[in-house]
C-alpha atoms as a PDB file:
ATOM      1  CA  MET A   1     161.282 104.614 115.217  1.00  0.00           C
ATOM      2  CA  SER A   2     157.609 103.646 115.074  1.00  0.00           C
ATOM      3  CA  HIS A   3     155.868 106.436 113.269  1.00  0.00           C
ATOM      4  CA  ALA A   4     155.647 107.505 109.199  1.00  0.00           C
ATOM      5  CA  LEU A   5     156.665 110.977 108.336  1.00  0.00           C
ATOM      6  CA  VAL A   6     154.447 113.000 106.475  1.00  0.00           C
ATOM      7  CA  LEU A   7     156.088 116.252 104.500  1.00  0.00           C
ATOM      8  CA  GLN A   8     153.280 118.949 103.999  1.00  0.00           C
ATOM      9  CA  HIS A   9     153.672 121.853 101.915  1.00  0.00           C
ATOM     10  CA  GLY A  10     150.979 124.385 103.011  1.00  0.00           C
ATOM     11  CA  ASP A  11     147.799 124.398 105.113  1.00  0.00           C
ATOM     12  CA  TRP A  12     145.706 123.888 101.854  1.00  0.00           C
ATOM     13  CA  GLY A  13     147.347 120.553 101.199  1.00  0.00           C
ATOM     14  CA  PRO A  14     146.616 118.114 104.418  1.00  0.00           C
ATOM     15  CA  PRO A  15     147.313 114.462 104.399  1.00  0.00           C
ATOM     16  CA  GLY A  16     143.741 113.611 103.653  1.00  0.00           C
ATOM     17  CA  VAL A  17     142.809 110.235 102.851  1.00  0.00           C
ATOM     18  CA  LEU A  18     146.502 109.204 103.300  1.00  0.00           C
ATOM     19  CA  GLY A  19     145.760 110.215 107.028  1.00  0.00           C
ATOM     20  CA  GLU A  20     142.540 108.466 107.173  1.00  0.00           C
ATOM     21  CA  TRP A  21     144.369 105.224 105.860  1.00  0.00           C
ATOM     22  CA  ALA A  22     147.411 105.509 108.418  1.00  0.00           C
ATOM     23  CA  ALA A  23     144.679 105.851 111.092  1.00  0.00           C
ATOM     24  CA  ALA A  24     142.907 102.749 109.946  1.00  0.00           C
ATOM     25  CA  ARG A  25     145.856 100.857 109.863  1.00  0.00           C
ATOM     26  CA  GLY A  26     147.321 101.812 113.166  1.00  0.00           C
ATOM     27  CA  ILE A  27     150.219 103.606 111.606  1.00  0.00           C
ATOM     28  CA  GLU A  28     151.203 106.520 113.621  1.00  0.00           C
ATOM     29  CA  VAL A  29     152.071 109.851 111.573  1.00  0.00           C
ATOM     30  CA  ALA A  30     153.930 112.648 112.271  1.00  0.00           C
ATOM     31  CA  VAL A  31     153.334 115.819 109.770  1.00  0.00           C
ATOM     32  CA  HIS A  32     156.072 118.244 109.414  1.00  0.00           C
ATOM     33  CA  ARG A  33     155.422 121.568 107.473  1.00  0.00           C
ATOM     34  CA  ALA A  34     157.964 121.487 104.856  1.00  0.00           C
ATOM     35  CA  ASP A  35     157.126 125.106 103.565  1.00  0.00           C
ATOM     36  CA  LEU A  36     157.630 126.664 106.889  1.00  0.00           C
ATOM     37  CA  ALA A  37     161.636 126.859 106.677  1.00  0.00           C
ATOM     38  CA  GLU A  38     161.891 125.181 109.697  1.00  0.00           C
ATOM     39  CA  PRO A  39     164.667 122.053 110.097  1.00  0.00           C
ATOM     40  CA  LEU A  40     163.551 118.941 108.551  1.00  0.00           C
ATOM     41  CA  PRO A  41     163.390 116.051 111.230  1.00  0.00           C
ATOM     42  CA  GLU A  42     166.080 113.913 111.770  1.00  0.00           C
ATOM     43  CA  LEU A  43     166.026 110.699 109.543  1.00  0.00           C
ATOM     44  CA  ASN A  44     166.253 107.877 112.222  1.00  0.00           C
ATOM     45  CA  GLY A  45     164.428 104.844 110.602  1.00  0.00           C
ATOM     46  CA  GLN A  46     161.065 106.252 110.120  1.00  0.00           C
ATOM     47  CA  LEU A  47     158.743 103.549 108.788  1.00  0.00           C
ATOM     48  CA  PHE A  48     158.275 105.646 105.488  1.00  0.00           C
ATOM     49  CA  VAL A  49     158.556 109.233 104.498  1.00  0.00           C
ATOM     50  CA  ALA A  50     155.427 110.741 102.488  1.00  0.00           C
ATOM     51  CA  SER A  51     155.843 113.977 100.424  1.00  0.00           C
ATOM     52  CA  LEU A  52     152.545 115.599  99.282  1.00  0.00           C
ATOM     53  CA  GLY A  53     151.758 118.042  96.807  1.00  0.00           C
ATOM     54  CA  ALA A  54     153.138 121.494  96.253  1.00  0.00           C
ATOM     55  CA  PRO A  55     153.223 124.539  93.775  1.00  0.00           C
ATOM     56  CA  GLN A  56     156.879 124.146  93.151  1.00  0.00           C
ATOM     57  CA  ASN A  57     158.534 121.390  91.160  1.00  0.00           C
ATOM     58  CA  PRO A  58     162.239 119.724  91.799  1.00  0.00           C
ATOM     59  CA  ASN A  59     163.602 122.325  89.427  1.00  0.00           C
ATOM     60  CA  ASP A  60     162.835 125.314  91.755  1.00  0.00           C
ATOM     61  CA  THR A  61     166.078 124.691  93.705  1.00  0.00           C
ATOM     62  CA  HIS A  62     166.412 128.274  94.196  1.00  0.00           C
ATOM     63  CA  VAL A  63     163.777 127.850  96.686  1.00  0.00           C
ATOM     64  CA  PRO A  64     165.466 126.974  99.871  1.00  0.00           C
ATOM     65  CA  GLU A  65     162.653 124.604 101.080  1.00  0.00           C
ATOM     66  CA  VAL A  66     162.725 122.964  97.861  1.00  0.00           C
ATOM     67  CA  ALA A  67     166.552 122.312  97.592  1.00  0.00           C
ATOM     68  CA  ALA A  68     166.402 121.180 101.381  1.00  0.00           C
ATOM     69  CA  GLU A  69     163.725 118.682 100.913  1.00  0.00           C
ATOM     70  CA  LEU A  70     165.505 117.224  97.818  1.00  0.00           C
ATOM     71  CA  ASP A  71     168.695 116.728  99.928  1.00  0.00           C
ATOM     72  CA  PHE A  72     166.458 115.319 102.649  1.00  0.00           C
ATOM     73  CA  LEU A  73     164.791 112.654 100.373  1.00  0.00           C
ATOM     74  CA  GLU A  74     167.956 111.779  98.790  1.00  0.00           C
ATOM     75  CA  ARG A  75     169.404 110.764 102.450  1.00  0.00           C
ATOM     76  CA  ALA A  76     166.197 108.912 102.861  1.00  0.00           C
ATOM     77  CA  VAL A  77     167.033 106.784  99.951  1.00  0.00           C
ATOM     78  CA  GLU A  78     170.506 106.257 100.815  1.00  0.00           C
ATOM     79  CA  LEU A  79     169.317 105.107 104.134  1.00  0.00           C
ATOM     80  CA  GLU A  80     166.680 102.894 102.568  1.00  0.00           C
ATOM     81  CA  ILE A  81     163.841 104.607 104.312  1.00  0.00           C
ATOM     82  CA  PRO A  82     160.875 103.754 101.904  1.00  0.00           C
ATOM     83  CA  ILE A  83     159.166 107.014 100.315  1.00  0.00           C
ATOM     84  CA  LEU A  84     155.740 107.912  98.833  1.00  0.00           C
ATOM     85  CA  GLY A  85     155.803 110.861  96.713  1.00  0.00           C
ATOM     86  CA  LEU A  86     152.454 112.176  95.744  1.00  0.00           C
ATOM     87  CA  CYS A  87     152.482 114.769  92.916  1.00  0.00           C
ATOM     88  CA  PHE A  88     155.134 116.720  93.926  1.00  0.00           C
ATOM     89  CA  GLY A  89     156.347 114.329  95.963  1.00  0.00           C
ATOM     90  CA  GLY A  90     156.391 111.976  93.227  1.00  0.00           C
ATOM     91  CA  GLN A  91     158.490 114.334  91.097  1.00  0.00           C
ATOM     92  CA  MET A  92     160.882 114.747  93.792  1.00  0.00           C
ATOM     93  CA  LEU A  93     161.446 111.108  94.065  1.00  0.00           C
ATOM     94  CA  ALA A  94     161.842 110.791  90.252  1.00  0.00           C
ATOM     95  CA  SER A  95     164.181 113.646  89.974  1.00  0.00           C
ATOM     96  CA  ILE A  96     166.391 111.949  92.958  1.00  0.00           C
ATOM     97  CA  LEU A  97     166.526 108.787  90.978  1.00  0.00           C
ATOM     98  CA  GLY A  98     167.668 110.300  87.606  1.00  0.00           C
ATOM     99  CA  SER A  99     164.443 111.484  85.755  1.00  0.00           C
ATOM    100  CA  THR A 100     163.851 114.706  84.114  1.00  0.00           C
ATOM    101  CA  ILE A 101     161.174 117.331  85.116  1.00  0.00           C
ATOM    102  CA  THR A 102     159.495 119.259  82.220  1.00  0.00           C
ATOM    103  CA  ARG A 103     156.570 121.425  81.686  1.00  0.00           C
ATOM    104  CA  ALA A 104     153.515 118.897  80.761  1.00  0.00           C
ATOM    105  CA  ALA A 105     152.394 119.193  76.900  1.00  0.00           C
ATOM    106  CA  GLU A 106     149.214 119.849  78.834  1.00  0.00           C
ATOM    107  CA  PRO A 107     147.976 120.492  82.552  1.00  0.00           C
ATOM    108  CA  GLU A 108     146.059 117.770  83.897  1.00  0.00           C
ATOM    109  CA  LEU A 109     143.265 119.242  86.148  1.00  0.00           C
ATOM    110  CA  GLY A 110     140.350 117.570  87.831  1.00  0.00           C
ATOM    111  CA  TRP A 111     139.419 114.055  87.140  1.00  0.00           C
ATOM    112  CA  CYS A 112     141.790 112.482  84.849  1.00  0.00           C
ATOM    113  CA  MET A 113     141.853 109.284  83.133  1.00  0.00           C
ATOM    114  CA  VAL A 114     144.879 106.844  84.134  1.00  0.00           C
ATOM    115  CA  SER A 115     145.703 103.614  82.629  1.00  0.00           C
ATOM    116  CA  SER A 116     147.531 101.115  84.586  1.00  0.00           C
ATOM    117  CA  THR A 117     149.694  98.065  84.048  1.00  0.00           C
ATOM    118  CA  ALA A 118     149.745  96.852  87.314  1.00  0.00           C
ATOM    119  CA  PRO A 119     146.044  97.297  88.848  1.00  0.00           C
ATOM    120  CA  GLU A 120     147.243  95.407  91.863  1.00  0.00           C
ATOM    121  CA  LEU A 121     149.065  98.445  92.781  1.00  0.00           C
ATOM    122  CA  VAL A 122     147.495 101.468  90.994  1.00  0.00           C
ATOM    123  CA  ALA A 123     143.674 101.106  89.959  1.00  0.00           C
ATOM    124  CA  GLU A 124     142.641 102.030  86.432  1.00  0.00           C
ATOM    125  CA  GLY A 125     140.267 105.017  86.331  1.00  0.00           C
ATOM    126  CA  PRO A 126     139.715 108.684  87.046  1.00  0.00           C
ATOM    127  CA  TRP A 127     142.004 109.867  89.732  1.00  0.00           C
ATOM    128  CA  LEU A 128     141.973 113.505  91.061  1.00  0.00           C
ATOM    129  CA  GLN A 129     144.870 115.579  89.450  1.00  0.00           C
ATOM    130  CA  TRP A 130     146.082 119.201  89.433  1.00  0.00           C
ATOM    131  CA  HIS A 131     149.714 119.578  88.023  1.00  0.00           C
ATOM    132  CA  TYR A 132     151.360 121.508  85.223  1.00  0.00           C
ATOM    133  CA  ASP A 133     154.656 119.333  85.225  1.00  0.00           C
ATOM    134  CA  ALA A 134     155.687 115.960  83.954  1.00  0.00           C
ATOM    135  CA  PHE A 135     158.364 113.573  84.485  1.00  0.00           C
ATOM    136  CA  THR A 136     160.365 110.784  82.709  1.00  0.00           C
ATOM    137  CA  LEU A 137     160.331 107.376  84.002  1.00  0.00           C
ATOM    138  CA  PRO A 138     163.803 107.094  86.541  1.00  0.00           C
ATOM    139  CA  PRO A 139     166.103 104.692  85.262  1.00  0.00           C
ATOM    140  CA  GLY A 140     165.720 101.192  86.715  1.00  0.00           C
ATOM    141  CA  ALA A 141     162.351 102.005  87.953  1.00  0.00           C
ATOM    142  CA  GLU A 142     159.083  99.895  87.113  1.00  0.00           C
ATOM    143  CA  GLN A 143     156.253 102.053  85.274  1.00  0.00           C
ATOM    144  CA  LEU A 144     152.887 101.279  86.993  1.00  0.00           C
ATOM    145  CA  ALA A 145     150.511 103.787  85.409  1.00  0.00           C
ATOM    146  CA  HIS A 146     150.618 106.437  82.601  1.00  0.00           C
ATOM    147  CA  SER A 147     148.255 108.988  80.804  1.00  0.00           C
ATOM    148  CA  ARG A 148     148.571 110.576  77.570  1.00  0.00           C
ATOM    149  CA  VAL A 149     150.608 113.381  79.223  1.00  0.00           C
ATOM    150  CA  GLY A 150     153.123 110.907  80.465  1.00  0.00           C
ATOM    151  CA  VAL A 151     154.036 108.834  83.601  1.00  0.00           C
ATOM    152  CA  GLN A 152     151.791 108.416  86.223  1.00  0.00           C
ATOM    153  CA  ALA A 153     152.996 106.092  88.811  1.00  0.00           C
ATOM    154  CA  PHE A 154     156.345 104.279  89.211  1.00  0.00           C
ATOM    155  CA  ALA A 155     158.258 101.923  91.793  1.00  0.00           C
ATOM    156  CA  HIS A 156     161.660 101.777  92.553  1.00  0.00           C
ATOM    157  CA  GLY A 157     162.493  99.105  94.967  1.00  0.00           C
ATOM    158  CA  ARG A 158     160.487  99.983  98.207  1.00  0.00           C
ATOM    159  CA  HIS A 159     159.701 103.527  96.926  1.00  0.00           C
ATOM    160  CA  LEU A 160     156.561 104.540  94.921  1.00  0.00           C
ATOM    161  CA  GLY A 161     155.907 107.619  93.179  1.00  0.00           C
ATOM    162  CA  VAL A 162     152.846 108.800  91.614  1.00  0.00           C
ATOM    163  CA  GLN A 163     151.699 111.976  89.738  1.00  0.00           C
ATOM    164  CA  PHE A 164     148.000 112.055  90.722  1.00  0.00           C
ATOM    165  CA  HIS A 165     146.382 112.932  94.275  1.00  0.00           C
ATOM    166  CA  PRO A 166     145.146 109.725  95.720  1.00  0.00           C
ATOM    167  CA  GLU A 167     145.599 111.426  99.143  1.00  0.00           C
ATOM    168  CA  SER A 168     143.145 114.487  98.078  1.00  0.00           C
ATOM    169  CA  THR A 169     139.448 114.856  97.908  1.00  0.00           C
ATOM    170  CA  ILE A 170     137.127 116.997  95.997  1.00  0.00           C
ATOM    171  CA  GLU A 171     136.905 119.411  99.153  1.00  0.00           C
ATOM    172  CA  ILE A 172     140.722 119.493  99.236  1.00  0.00           C
ATOM    173  CA  VAL A 173     141.121 120.176  95.403  1.00  0.00           C
ATOM    174  CA  GLY A 174     138.864 122.700  95.492  1.00  0.00           C
ATOM    175  CA  VAL A 175     140.735 125.221  97.453  1.00  0.00           C
ATOM    176  CA  TRP A 176     143.684 124.669  95.122  1.00  0.00           C
ATOM    177  CA  ALA A 177     141.206 125.409  92.096  1.00  0.00           C
ATOM    178  CA  ARG A 178     140.062 128.829  93.657  1.00  0.00           C
ATOM    179  CA  MET A 179     143.610 129.580  94.245  1.00  0.00           C
ATOM    180  CA  ASP A 180     144.558 128.783  90.650  1.00  0.00           C
ATOM    181  CA  GLN A 181     142.119 131.138  88.845  1.00  0.00           C
ATOM    182  CA  GLU A 182     144.477 132.949  87.113  1.00  0.00           C
ATOM    183  CA  ASN A 183     145.987 129.988  85.719  1.00  0.00           C
ATOM    184  CA  LEU A 184     142.671 128.403  84.674  1.00  0.00           C
ATOM    185  CA  SER A 185     141.494 131.815  82.963  1.00  0.00           C
ATOM    186  CA  ALA A 186     144.577 131.865  80.884  1.00  0.00           C
ATOM    187  CA  LEU A 187     143.314 128.210  79.875  1.00  0.00           C
ATOM    188  CA  GLY A 188     139.640 129.353  79.256  1.00  0.00           C
ATOM    189  CA  ILE A 189     138.456 127.637  82.087  1.00  0.00           C
ATOM    190  CA  ASP A 190     136.029 129.960  84.181  1.00  0.00           C
ATOM    191  CA  ASP A 191     135.382 127.608  87.271  1.00  0.00           C
ATOM    192  CA  GLY A 192     137.801 124.998  88.465  1.00  0.00           C
ATOM    193  CA  GLU A 193     135.282 123.563  90.949  1.00  0.00           C
ATOM    194  CA  THR A 194     132.939 122.690  87.969  1.00  0.00           C
ATOM    195  CA  LEU A 195     135.598 120.403  87.021  1.00  0.00           C
ATOM    196  CA  LEU A 196     135.865 118.436  90.286  1.00  0.00           C
ATOM    197  CA  GLU A 197     132.003 118.488  91.041  1.00  0.00           C
ATOM    198  CA  SER A 198     131.499 116.918  87.555  1.00  0.00           C
ATOM    199  CA  GLY A 199     133.610 113.820  88.532  1.00  0.00           C
ATOM    200  CA  ARG A 200     131.571 113.410  92.301  1.00  0.00           C
ATOM    201  CA  ARG A 201     130.373 110.133  91.214  1.00  0.00           C
ATOM    202  CA  HIS A 202     134.118 108.961  91.273  1.00  0.00           C
ATOM    203  CA  ALA A 203     135.044 110.104  94.693  1.00  0.00           C
ATOM    204  CA  ALA A 204     133.801 107.000  96.749  1.00  0.00           C
ATOM    205  CA  GLN A 205     135.685 104.779  94.312  1.00  0.00           C
ATOM    206  CA  ALA A 206     139.005 106.830  94.307  1.00  0.00           C
ATOM    207  CA  ALA A 207     138.932 106.816  98.239  1.00  0.00           C
ATOM    208  CA  ALA A 208     138.739 103.050  98.158  1.00  0.00           C
ATOM    209  CA  ALA A 209     141.315 102.778  95.430  1.00  0.00           C
ATOM    210  CA  ALA A 210     143.453 104.951  97.474  1.00  0.00           C
ATOM    211  CA  PHE A 211     143.589 102.605 100.323  1.00  0.00           C
ATOM    212  CA  ASP A 212     144.524  99.699  97.870  1.00  0.00           C
ATOM    213  CA  LEU A 213     147.200 101.754  96.865  1.00  0.00           C
ATOM    214  CA  PHE A 214     148.491 103.090 100.269  1.00  0.00           C
ATOM    215  CA  ASP A 215     148.314  98.861 101.346  1.00  0.00           C
ATOM    216  CA  ALA A 216     150.345  97.918  98.488  1.00  0.00           C
ATOM    217  CA  PHE A 217     152.875 100.542  99.194  1.00  0.00           C
ATOM    218  CA  TRP A 218     152.995  99.611 102.682  1.00  0.00           C
ATOM    219  CA  ARG A 219     153.535  95.801 101.907  1.00  0.00           C
ATOM    220  CA  ARG A 220     156.432  96.814  99.621  1.00  0.00           C
ATOM    221  CA  ALA A 221     158.026  99.127 102.059  1.00  0.00           C
ATOM    222  CA  GLN A 222     158.086  96.353 104.635  1.00  0.00           C
ATOM    223  CA  THR A 223     159.919  93.930 102.413  1.00  0.00           C
END
């Protein structure tokens, strides 16, 4: 097997910067729409499996696609296929490894500050986020970054999970903001896209930091 597998959970959540990075590194990627209730691909030695963002969290096992992906990623861990979990994917990886997923004390929406204890893996500074849940550090994992809300990144062997969205751009998250207006209104936020545009100056730096993060994951994945 000579390609990586990316699990996408809606047409609004493409691989984005992760896809650009893979193309730049000569890594072939197969994208599977895990939200369409189609059978998940066979696990047969993929370079890695990346799970992207989704509107659910790992506790939503009443959703068949969530339950199926949990089983799939658990099997990938058993087969020692590296997992890159991004937001929902990070929560899924954390849950498989024994973490607890709860409602966050406050949502993280837009550009949010992340503090790093391993800047060679996860850069400090604002990262794009859009989530309402949080997870505890899985047993045996190394915490790499945090925010005032909770764990933001961890490593567990060859696996890496993050709560933020290194793969996403302002344009991608802008779609989520428009879809999420009901929740935003309940929080007293009139225009979610303004949250994103206010950090436009961070976009180029975040994309470069995402490349560095994916490079660091790729190095670990090959050990």
